[in-house]
Amino acid sequence: MAVLVVNQAPDWNQELYQATLDRAIPDPSNPPAGLIAHFAAPGAEGGWQVIDVWESEDALRRFLEGAVMPAAKELGAPPFDTKVVEIYNSLIP
């Protein structure tokens, strides 16, 4: 089942996000298996947020553990909070 993923990172900024993304997905034309959509923006109360839709939580976990966490660790990035919920409905015009 598809999942909605919200990552909140109060101590991140656009530059740290971009550096992490460049390492985790070096070729944006070849996104990770299972990724449906990816959005990133400043947080409403500061920091940075990333909102994704994944085909499954397993696909998300493989990407986080195999690419994002190693990249963030390499950059010395502070931790971020991840919330995952199953998608009930979607509308894509």
PDB file of N, CA and C in Angstrom:
ATOM      1  N   MET A   1       0.844  -1.177   0.000  1.00  0.00           N
ATOM      2  CA  MET A   1       0.000   0.000   0.000  1.00  0.00           C
ATOM      3  C   MET A   1       0.886   1.235   0.000  1.00  0.00           C
ATOM      4  N   ALA A   2       0.478   2.252  -0.735  1.00  0.00           N
ATOM      5  CA  ALA A   2       1.239   3.503  -0.823  1.00  0.00           C
ATOM      6  C   ALA A   2       1.234   4.234   0.516  1.00  0.00           C
ATOM      7  N   VAL A   3       2.335   4.941   0.776  1.00  0.00           N
ATOM      8  CA  VAL A   3       2.464   5.684   2.018  1.00  0.00           C
ATOM      9  C   VAL A   3       2.850   7.130   1.749  1.00  0.00           C
ATOM     10  N   LEU A   4       2.383   7.995   2.642  1.00  0.00           N
ATOM     11  CA  LEU A   4       2.758   9.403   2.658  1.00  0.00           C
ATOM     12  C   LEU A   4       3.813   9.550   3.742  1.00  0.00           C
ATOM     13  N   VAL A   5       4.912  10.216   3.403  1.00  0.00           N
ATOM     14  CA  VAL A   5       6.039  10.355   4.324  1.00  0.00           C
ATOM     15  C   VAL A   5       6.305  11.844   4.537  1.00  0.00           C
ATOM     16  N   VAL A   6       6.351  12.252   5.797  1.00  0.00           N
ATOM     17  CA  VAL A   6       6.654  13.638   6.136  1.00  0.00           C
ATOM     18  C   VAL A   6       7.912  13.641   6.995  1.00  0.00           C
ATOM     19  N   ASN A   7       8.955  14.261   6.479  1.00  0.00           N
ATOM     20  CA  ASN A   7      10.215  14.426   7.204  1.00  0.00           C
ATOM     21  C   ASN A   7      10.314  15.878   7.649  1.00  0.00           C
ATOM     22  N   GLN A   8      10.495  16.097   8.933  1.00  0.00           N
ATOM     23  CA  GLN A   8      10.671  17.440   9.497  1.00  0.00           C
ATOM     24  C   GLN A   8      12.079  17.517  10.064  1.00  0.00           C
ATOM     25  N   ALA A   9      12.768  18.603   9.745  1.00  0.00           N
ATOM     26  CA  ALA A   9      14.147  18.758  10.195  1.00  0.00           C
ATOM     27  C   ALA A   9      14.377  20.203  10.632  1.00  0.00           C
ATOM     28  N   PRO A  10      14.195  20.513  11.918  1.00  0.00           N
ATOM     29  CA  PRO A  10      14.307  21.896  12.375  1.00  0.00           C
ATOM     30  C   PRO A  10      15.701  22.484  12.212  1.00  0.00           C
ATOM     31  N   ASP A  11      16.737  21.637  12.169  1.00  0.00           N
ATOM     32  CA  ASP A  11      18.103  22.144  12.052  1.00  0.00           C
ATOM     33  C   ASP A  11      18.680  21.988  10.646  1.00  0.00           C
ATOM     34  N   TRP A  12      17.833  21.682   9.678  1.00  0.00           N
ATOM     35  CA  TRP A  12      18.274  21.575   8.290  1.00  0.00           C
ATOM     36  C   TRP A  12      17.924  22.860   7.550  1.00  0.00           C
ATOM     37  N   ASN A  13      18.562  23.050   6.386  1.00  0.00           N
ATOM     38  CA  ASN A  13      18.247  24.171   5.501  1.00  0.00           C
ATOM     39  C   ASN A  13      18.323  23.674   4.058  1.00  0.00           C
ATOM     40  N   GLN A  14      18.074  24.559   3.122  1.00  0.00           N
ATOM     41  CA  GLN A  14      18.057  24.170   1.712  1.00  0.00           C
ATOM     42  C   GLN A  14      19.412  23.615   1.264  1.00  0.00           C
ATOM     43  N   GLU A  15      20.479  24.201   1.708  1.00  0.00           N
ATOM     44  CA  GLU A  15      21.804  23.765   1.279  1.00  0.00           C
ATOM     45  C   GLU A  15      22.123  22.347   1.775  1.00  0.00           C
ATOM     46  N   LEU A  16      21.810  22.062   3.026  1.00  0.00           N
ATOM     47  CA  LEU A  16      22.060  20.730   3.566  1.00  0.00           C
ATOM     48  C   LEU A  16      21.161  19.704   2.888  1.00  0.00           C
ATOM     49  N   TYR A  17      19.895  20.064   2.681  1.00  0.00           N
ATOM     50  CA  TYR A  17      18.983  19.179   1.959  1.00  0.00           C
ATOM     51  C   TYR A  17      19.547  18.851   0.578  1.00  0.00           C
ATOM     52  N   GLN A  18      19.968  19.882  -0.149  1.00  0.00           N
ATOM     53  CA  GLN A  18      20.443  19.682  -1.518  1.00  0.00           C
ATOM     54  C   GLN A  18      21.701  18.826  -1.553  1.00  0.00           C
ATOM     55  N   ALA A  19      22.614  19.061  -0.629  1.00  0.00           N
ATOM     56  CA  ALA A  19      23.839  18.252  -0.575  1.00  0.00           C
ATOM     57  C   ALA A  19      23.509  16.787  -0.288  1.00  0.00           C
ATOM     58  N   THR A  20      22.548  16.549   0.596  1.00  0.00           N
ATOM     59  CA  THR A  20      22.128  15.183   0.914  1.00  0.00           C
ATOM     60  C   THR A  20      21.454  14.545  -0.292  1.00  0.00           C
ATOM     61  N   LEU A  21      20.561  15.289  -0.924  1.00  0.00           N
ATOM     62  CA  LEU A  21      19.856  14.778  -2.105  1.00  0.00           C
ATOM     63  C   LEU A  21      20.838  14.436  -3.221  1.00  0.00           C
ATOM     64  N   ASP A  22      21.821  15.306  -3.446  1.00  0.00           N
ATOM     65  CA  ASP A  22      22.805  15.060  -4.506  1.00  0.00           C
ATOM     66  C   ASP A  22      23.576  13.765  -4.280  1.00  0.00           C
ATOM     67  N   ARG A  23      23.801  13.404  -3.022  1.00  0.00           N
ATOM     68  CA  ARG A  23      24.493  12.150  -2.720  1.00  0.00           C
ATOM     69  C   ARG A  23      23.535  10.959  -2.773  1.00  0.00           C
ATOM     70  N   ALA A  24      22.318  11.152  -2.276  1.00  0.00           N
ATOM     71  CA  ALA A  24      21.352  10.050  -2.201  1.00  0.00           C
ATOM     72  C   ALA A  24      20.756   9.700  -3.566  1.00  0.00           C
ATOM     73  N   ILE A  25      20.548  10.721  -4.393  1.00  0.00           N
ATOM     74  CA  ILE A  25      20.009  10.512  -5.742  1.00  0.00           C
ATOM     75  C   ILE A  25      20.902  11.287  -6.717  1.00  0.00           C
ATOM     76  N   PRO A  26      22.048  10.726  -7.067  1.00  0.00           N
ATOM     77  CA  PRO A  26      22.980  11.470  -7.919  1.00  0.00           C
ATOM     78  C   PRO A  26      22.443  11.750  -9.321  1.00  0.00           C
ATOM     79  N   ASP A  27      21.506  10.941  -9.787  1.00  0.00           N
ATOM     80  CA  ASP A  27      20.917  11.144 -11.112  1.00  0.00           C
ATOM     81  C   ASP A  27      19.399  11.255 -10.965  1.00  0.00           C
ATOM     82  N   PRO A  28      18.878  12.490 -10.902  1.00  0.00           N
ATOM     83  CA  PRO A  28      17.433  12.661 -10.708  1.00  0.00           C
ATOM     84  C   PRO A  28      16.568  12.034 -11.811  1.00  0.00           C
ATOM     85  N   SER A  29      17.162  11.764 -12.972  1.00  0.00           N
ATOM     86  CA  SER A  29      16.390  11.104 -14.025  1.00  0.00           C
ATOM     87  C   SER A  29      16.246   9.606 -13.754  1.00  0.00           C
ATOM     88  N   ASN A  30      16.919   9.117 -12.705  1.00  0.00           N
ATOM     89  CA  ASN A  30      16.835   7.717 -12.303  1.00  0.00           C
ATOM     90  C   ASN A  30      16.488   7.654 -10.812  1.00  0.00           C
ATOM     91  N   PRO A  31      15.229   7.976 -10.457  1.00  0.00           N
ATOM     92  CA  PRO A  31      14.844   8.007  -9.034  1.00  0.00           C
ATOM     93  C   PRO A  31      14.854   6.615  -8.421  1.00  0.00           C
ATOM     94  N   PRO A  32      14.900   6.548  -7.100  1.00  0.00           N
ATOM     95  CA  PRO A  32      14.922   5.246  -6.427  1.00  0.00           C
ATOM     96  C   PRO A  32      13.643   4.448  -6.670  1.00  0.00           C
ATOM     97  N   ALA A  33      13.788   3.142  -6.669  1.00  0.00           N
ATOM     98  CA  ALA A  33      12.645   2.255  -6.869  1.00  0.00           C
ATOM     99  C   ALA A  33      11.592   2.515  -5.804  1.00  0.00           C
ATOM    100  N   GLY A  34      10.351   2.673  -6.242  1.00  0.00           N
ATOM    101  CA  GLY A  34       9.240   2.858  -5.317  1.00  0.00           C
ATOM    102  C   GLY A  34       8.842   4.294  -5.043  1.00  0.00           C
ATOM    103  N   LEU A  35       9.665   5.258  -5.449  1.00  0.00           N
ATOM    104  CA  LEU A  35       9.317   6.663  -5.220  1.00  0.00           C
ATOM    105  C   LEU A  35       8.273   7.108  -6.234  1.00  0.00           C
ATOM    106  N   ILE A  36       7.167   7.658  -5.737  1.00  0.00           N
ATOM    107  CA  ILE A  36       6.098   8.148  -6.601  1.00  0.00           C
ATOM    108  C   ILE A  36       6.187   9.660  -6.766  1.00  0.00           C
ATOM    109  N   ALA A  37       6.424  10.380  -5.660  1.00  0.00           N
ATOM    110  CA  ALA A  37       6.508  11.844  -5.710  1.00  0.00           C
ATOM    111  C   ALA A  37       7.401  12.339  -4.579  1.00  0.00           C
ATOM    112  N   HIS A  38       8.043  13.475  -4.817  1.00  0.00           N
ATOM    113  CA  HIS A  38       8.970  14.053  -3.833  1.00  0.00           C
ATOM    114  C   HIS A  38       8.815  15.566  -3.854  1.00  0.00           C
ATOM    115  N   PHE A  39       8.649  16.158  -2.664  1.00  0.00           N
ATOM    116  CA  PHE A  39       8.518  17.605  -2.529  1.00  0.00           C
ATOM    117  C   PHE A  39       9.380  18.063  -1.367  1.00  0.00           C
ATOM    118  N   ALA A  40      10.045  19.199  -1.519  1.00  0.00           N
ATOM    119  CA  ALA A  40      10.877  19.737  -0.446  1.00  0.00           C
ATOM    120  C   ALA A  40      10.663  21.241  -0.371  1.00  0.00           C
ATOM    121  N   ALA A  41      10.632  21.772   0.864  1.00  0.00           N
ATOM    122  CA  ALA A  41      10.372  23.193   1.057  1.00  0.00           C
ATOM    123  C   ALA A  41      10.790  23.600   2.466  1.00  0.00           C
ATOM    124  N   PRO A  42      10.963  24.897   2.671  1.00  0.00           N
ATOM    125  CA  PRO A  42      11.207  25.353   4.038  1.00  0.00           C
ATOM    126  C   PRO A  42      10.040  24.962   4.937  1.00  0.00           C
ATOM    127  N   GLY A  43      10.343  24.673   6.195  1.00  0.00           N
ATOM    128  CA  GLY A  43       9.293  24.365   7.164  1.00  0.00           C
ATOM    129  C   GLY A  43       8.528  25.616   7.540  1.00  0.00           C
ATOM    130  N   ALA A  44       7.280  25.469   7.892  1.00  0.00           N
ATOM    131  CA  ALA A  44       6.438  26.616   8.260  1.00  0.00           C
ATOM    132  C   ALA A  44       6.992  27.358   9.473  1.00  0.00           C
ATOM    133  N   GLU A  45       7.683  26.632  10.351  1.00  0.00           N
ATOM    134  CA  GLU A  45       8.245  27.246  11.560  1.00  0.00           C
ATOM    135  C   GLU A  45       9.768  27.208  11.539  1.00  0.00           C
ATOM    136  N   GLY A  46      10.342  27.205  10.335  1.00  0.00           N
ATOM    137  CA  GLY A  46      11.784  27.141  10.177  1.00  0.00           C
ATOM    138  C   GLY A  46      12.241  25.741   9.856  1.00  0.00           C
ATOM    139  N   GLY A  47      13.524  25.592   9.626  1.00  0.00           N
ATOM    140  CA  GLY A  47      14.051  24.290   9.261  1.00  0.00           C
ATOM    141  C   GLY A  47      13.651  23.900   7.854  1.00  0.00           C
ATOM    142  N   TRP A  48      13.545  22.602   7.639  1.00  0.00           N
ATOM    143  CA  TRP A  48      13.266  22.086   6.303  1.00  0.00           C
ATOM    144  C   TRP A  48      12.319  20.907   6.400  1.00  0.00           C
ATOM    145  N   GLN A  49      11.519  20.705   5.364  1.00  0.00           N
ATOM    146  CA  GLN A  49      10.612  19.566   5.337  1.00  0.00           C
ATOM    147  C   GLN A  49      10.645  18.899   3.968  1.00  0.00           C
ATOM    148  N   VAL A  50      10.456  17.596   3.984  1.00  0.00           N
ATOM    149  CA  VAL A  50      10.381  16.808   2.757  1.00  0.00           C
ATOM    150  C   VAL A  50       9.141  15.940   2.862  1.00  0.00           C
ATOM    151  N   ILE A  51       8.346  15.961   1.812  1.00  0.00           N
ATOM    152  CA  ILE A  51       7.121  15.160   1.772  1.00  0.00           C
ATOM    153  C   ILE A  51       7.195  14.274   0.541  1.00  0.00           C
ATOM    154  N   ASP A  52       7.077  12.979   0.761  1.00  0.00           N
ATOM    155  CA  ASP A  52       7.164  12.002  -0.320  1.00  0.00           C
ATOM    156  C   ASP A  52       5.933  11.120  -0.344  1.00  0.00           C
ATOM    157  N   VAL A  53       5.719  10.504  -1.497  1.00  0.00           N
ATOM    158  CA  VAL A  53       4.780   9.399  -1.632  1.00  0.00           C
ATOM    159  C   VAL A  53       5.590   8.225  -2.177  1.00  0.00           C
ATOM    160  N   TRP A  54       5.471   7.099  -1.476  1.00  0.00           N
ATOM    161  CA  TRP A  54       6.195   5.879  -1.849  1.00  0.00           C
ATOM    162  C   TRP A  54       5.205   4.756  -2.103  1.00  0.00           C
ATOM    163  N   GLU A  55       5.583   3.817  -2.961  1.00  0.00           N
ATOM    164  CA  GLU A  55       4.734   2.657  -3.239  1.00  0.00           C
ATOM    165  C   GLU A  55       4.503   1.818  -1.992  1.00  0.00           C
ATOM    166  N   SER A  56       5.509   1.792  -1.101  1.00  0.00           N
ATOM    167  CA  SER A  56       5.386   1.003   0.119  1.00  0.00           C
ATOM    168  C   SER A  56       6.364   1.529   1.166  1.00  0.00           C
ATOM    169  N   GLU A  57       6.105   1.176   2.413  1.00  0.00           N
ATOM    170  CA  GLU A  57       7.024   1.560   3.474  1.00  0.00           C
ATOM    171  C   GLU A  57       8.353   0.810   3.333  1.00  0.00           C
ATOM    172  N   ASP A  58       8.321  -0.400   2.806  1.00  0.00           N
ATOM    173  CA  ASP A  58       9.561  -1.148   2.587  1.00  0.00           C
ATOM    174  C   ASP A  58      10.475  -0.430   1.602  1.00  0.00           C
ATOM    175  N   ALA A  59       9.902   0.084   0.513  1.00  0.00           N
ATOM    176  CA  ALA A  59      10.698   0.821  -0.473  1.00  0.00           C
ATOM    177  C   ALA A  59      11.306   2.070   0.162  1.00  0.00           C
ATOM    178  N   LEU A  60      10.519   2.773   0.969  1.00  0.00           N
ATOM    179  CA  LEU A  60      11.020   3.946   1.685  1.00  0.00           C
ATOM    180  C   LEU A  60      12.185   3.559   2.583  1.00  0.00           C
ATOM    181  N   ARG A  61      12.015   2.531   3.396  1.00  0.00           N
ATOM    182  CA  ARG A  61      13.052   2.127   4.354  1.00  0.00           C
ATOM    183  C   ARG A  61      14.351   1.731   3.645  1.00  0.00           C
ATOM    184  N   ARG A  62      14.226   1.024   2.516  1.00  0.00           N
ATOM    185  CA  ARG A  62      15.426   0.652   1.753  1.00  0.00           C
ATOM    186  C   ARG A  62      16.184   1.904   1.304  1.00  0.00           C
ATOM    187  N   PHE A  63      15.455   2.906   0.836  1.00  0.00           N
ATOM    188  CA  PHE A  63      16.091   4.140   0.374  1.00  0.00           C
ATOM    189  C   PHE A  63      16.697   4.914   1.543  1.00  0.00           C
ATOM    190  N   LEU A  64      15.955   5.041   2.641  1.00  0.00           N
ATOM    191  CA  LEU A  64      16.490   5.757   3.801  1.00  0.00           C
ATOM    192  C   LEU A  64      17.774   5.100   4.308  1.00  0.00           C
ATOM    193  N   GLU A  65      17.717   3.793   4.517  1.00  0.00           N
ATOM    194  CA  GLU A  65      18.859   3.083   5.092  1.00  0.00           C
ATOM    195  C   GLU A  65      20.026   2.941   4.122  1.00  0.00           C
ATOM    196  N   GLY A  66      19.714   2.815   2.821  1.00  0.00           N
ATOM    197  CA  GLY A  66      20.765   2.581   1.844  1.00  0.00           C
ATOM    198  C   GLY A  66      21.379   3.825   1.243  1.00  0.00           C
ATOM    199  N   ALA A  67      20.656   4.944   1.274  1.00  0.00           N
ATOM    200  CA  ALA A  67      21.159   6.146   0.597  1.00  0.00           C
ATOM    201  C   ALA A  67      21.100   7.403   1.461  1.00  0.00           C
ATOM    202  N   VAL A  68      19.944   7.706   2.037  1.00  0.00           N
ATOM    203  CA  VAL A  68      19.788   8.977   2.754  1.00  0.00           C
ATOM    204  C   VAL A  68      20.612   9.010   4.036  1.00  0.00           C
ATOM    205  N   MET A  69      20.480   7.998   4.870  1.00  0.00           N
ATOM    206  CA  MET A  69      21.191   8.016   6.147  1.00  0.00           C
ATOM    207  C   MET A  69      22.711   8.020   5.957  1.00  0.00           C
ATOM    208  N   PRO A  70      23.273   7.208   5.049  1.00  0.00           N
ATOM    209  CA  PRO A  70      24.719   7.303   4.828  1.00  0.00           C
ATOM    210  C   PRO A  70      25.145   8.692   4.324  1.00  0.00           C
ATOM    211  N   ALA A  71      24.348   9.288   3.429  1.00  0.00           N
ATOM    212  CA  ALA A  71      24.680  10.623   2.920  1.00  0.00           C
ATOM    213  C   ALA A  71      24.615  11.657   4.028  1.00  0.00           C
ATOM    214  N   ALA A  72      23.573  11.608   4.838  1.00  0.00           N
ATOM    215  CA  ALA A  72      23.422  12.570   5.936  1.00  0.00           C
ATOM    216  C   ALA A  72      24.564  12.406   6.948  1.00  0.00           C
ATOM    217  N   LYS A  73      24.925  11.166   7.236  1.00  0.00           N
ATOM    218  CA  LYS A  73      26.018  10.919   8.169  1.00  0.00           C
ATOM    219  C   LYS A  73      27.332  11.477   7.626  1.00  0.00           C
ATOM    220  N   GLU A  74      27.578  11.262   6.350  1.00  0.00           N
ATOM    221  CA  GLU A  74      28.793  11.769   5.703  1.00  0.00           C
ATOM    222  C   GLU A  74      28.881  13.290   5.814  1.00  0.00           C
ATOM    223  N   LEU A  75      27.741  13.956   5.741  1.00  0.00           N
ATOM    224  CA  LEU A  75      27.695  15.412   5.812  1.00  0.00           C
ATOM    225  C   LEU A  75      27.644  15.936   7.245  1.00  0.00           C
ATOM    226  N   GLY A  76      27.516  15.041   8.216  1.00  0.00           N
ATOM    227  CA  GLY A  76      27.398  15.472   9.609  1.00  0.00           C
ATOM    228  C   GLY A  76      26.078  16.152   9.898  1.00  0.00           C
ATOM    229  N   ALA A  77      25.031  15.736   9.190  1.00  0.00           N
ATOM    230  CA  ALA A  77      23.710  16.356   9.326  1.00  0.00           C
ATOM    231  C   ALA A  77      23.040  15.964  10.637  1.00  0.00           C
ATOM    232  N   PRO A  78      22.301  16.892  11.233  1.00  0.00           N
ATOM    233  CA  PRO A  78      21.539  16.554  12.439  1.00  0.00           C
ATOM    234  C   PRO A  78      20.386  15.622  12.089  1.00  0.00           C
ATOM    235  N   PRO A  79      19.814  14.948  13.080  1.00  0.00           N
ATOM    236  CA  PRO A  79      18.710  14.024  12.819  1.00  0.00           C
ATOM    237  C   PRO A  79      17.455  14.747  12.340  1.00  0.00           C
ATOM    238  N   PHE A  80      16.562  13.974  11.760  1.00  0.00           N
ATOM    239  CA  PHE A  80      15.264  14.496  11.335  1.00  0.00           C
ATOM    240  C   PHE A  80      14.186  13.524  11.765  1.00  0.00           C
ATOM    241  N   ASP A  81      12.971  14.026  11.872  1.00  0.00           N
ATOM    242  CA  ASP A  81      11.824  13.238  12.318  1.00  0.00           C
ATOM    243  C   ASP A  81      11.045  12.767  11.098  1.00  0.00           C
ATOM    244  N   THR A  82      10.719  11.472  11.034  1.00  0.00           N
ATOM    245  CA  THR A  82       9.977  10.902   9.919  1.00  0.00           C
ATOM    246  C   THR A  82       8.661  10.323  10.411  1.00  0.00           C
ATOM    247  N   LYS A  83       7.578  10.724   9.752  1.00  0.00           N
ATOM    248  CA  LYS A  83       6.256  10.153  10.033  1.00  0.00           C
ATOM    249  C   LYS A  83       5.748   9.499   8.747  1.00  0.00           C
ATOM    250  N   VAL A  84       5.196   8.299   8.889  1.00  0.00           N
ATOM    251  CA  VAL A  84       4.705   7.527   7.749  1.00  0.00           C
ATOM    252  C   VAL A  84       3.263   7.125   8.014  1.00  0.00           C
ATOM    253  N   VAL A  85       2.392   7.388   7.058  1.00  0.00           N
ATOM    254  CA  VAL A  85       0.996   6.958   7.160  1.00  0.00           C
ATOM    255  C   VAL A  85       0.554   6.356   5.831  1.00  0.00           C
ATOM    256  N   GLU A  86      -0.326   5.372   5.911  1.00  0.00           N
ATOM    257  CA  GLU A  86      -0.878   4.791   4.696  1.00  0.00           C
ATOM    258  C   GLU A  86      -1.800   5.804   4.025  1.00  0.00           C
ATOM    259  N   ILE A  87      -1.764   5.830   2.713  1.00  0.00           N
ATOM    260  CA  ILE A  87      -2.604   6.763   1.964  1.00  0.00           C
ATOM    261  C   ILE A  87      -3.981   6.147   1.787  1.00  0.00           C
ATOM    262  N   TYR A  88      -4.975   6.908   2.170  1.00  0.00           N
ATOM    263  CA  TYR A  88      -6.367   6.468   2.011  1.00  0.00           C
ATOM    264  C   TYR A  88      -6.868   6.797   0.604  1.00  0.00           C
ATOM    265  N   ASN A  89      -6.560   8.009   0.129  1.00  0.00           N
ATOM    266  CA  ASN A  89      -7.093   8.464  -1.135  1.00  0.00           C
ATOM    267  C   ASN A  89      -6.097   9.421  -1.778  1.00  0.00           C
ATOM    268  N   SER A  90      -6.121   9.513  -3.078  1.00  0.00           N
ATOM    269  CA  SER A  90      -5.313  10.499  -3.789  1.00  0.00           C
ATOM    270  C   SER A  90      -6.087  10.991  -5.000  1.00  0.00           C
ATOM    271  N   LEU A  91      -5.789  12.191  -5.395  1.00  0.00           N
ATOM    272  CA  LEU A  91      -6.401  12.785  -6.585  1.00  0.00           C
ATOM    273  C   LEU A  91      -5.292  13.515  -7.316  1.00  0.00           C
ATOM    274  N   ILE A  92      -4.973  13.035  -8.487  1.00  0.00           N
ATOM    275  CA  ILE A  92      -3.936  13.659  -9.296  1.00  0.00           C
ATOM    276  C   ILE A  92      -4.600  14.107 -10.589  1.00  0.00           C
ATOM    277  N   PRO A  93      -4.828  15.422 -10.702  1.00  0.00           N
ATOM    278  CA  PRO A  93      -5.535  15.921 -11.901  1.00  0.00           C
ATOM    279  C   PRO A  93      -4.741  15.749 -13.166  1.00  0.00           C
TER     280      PRO A  93
END
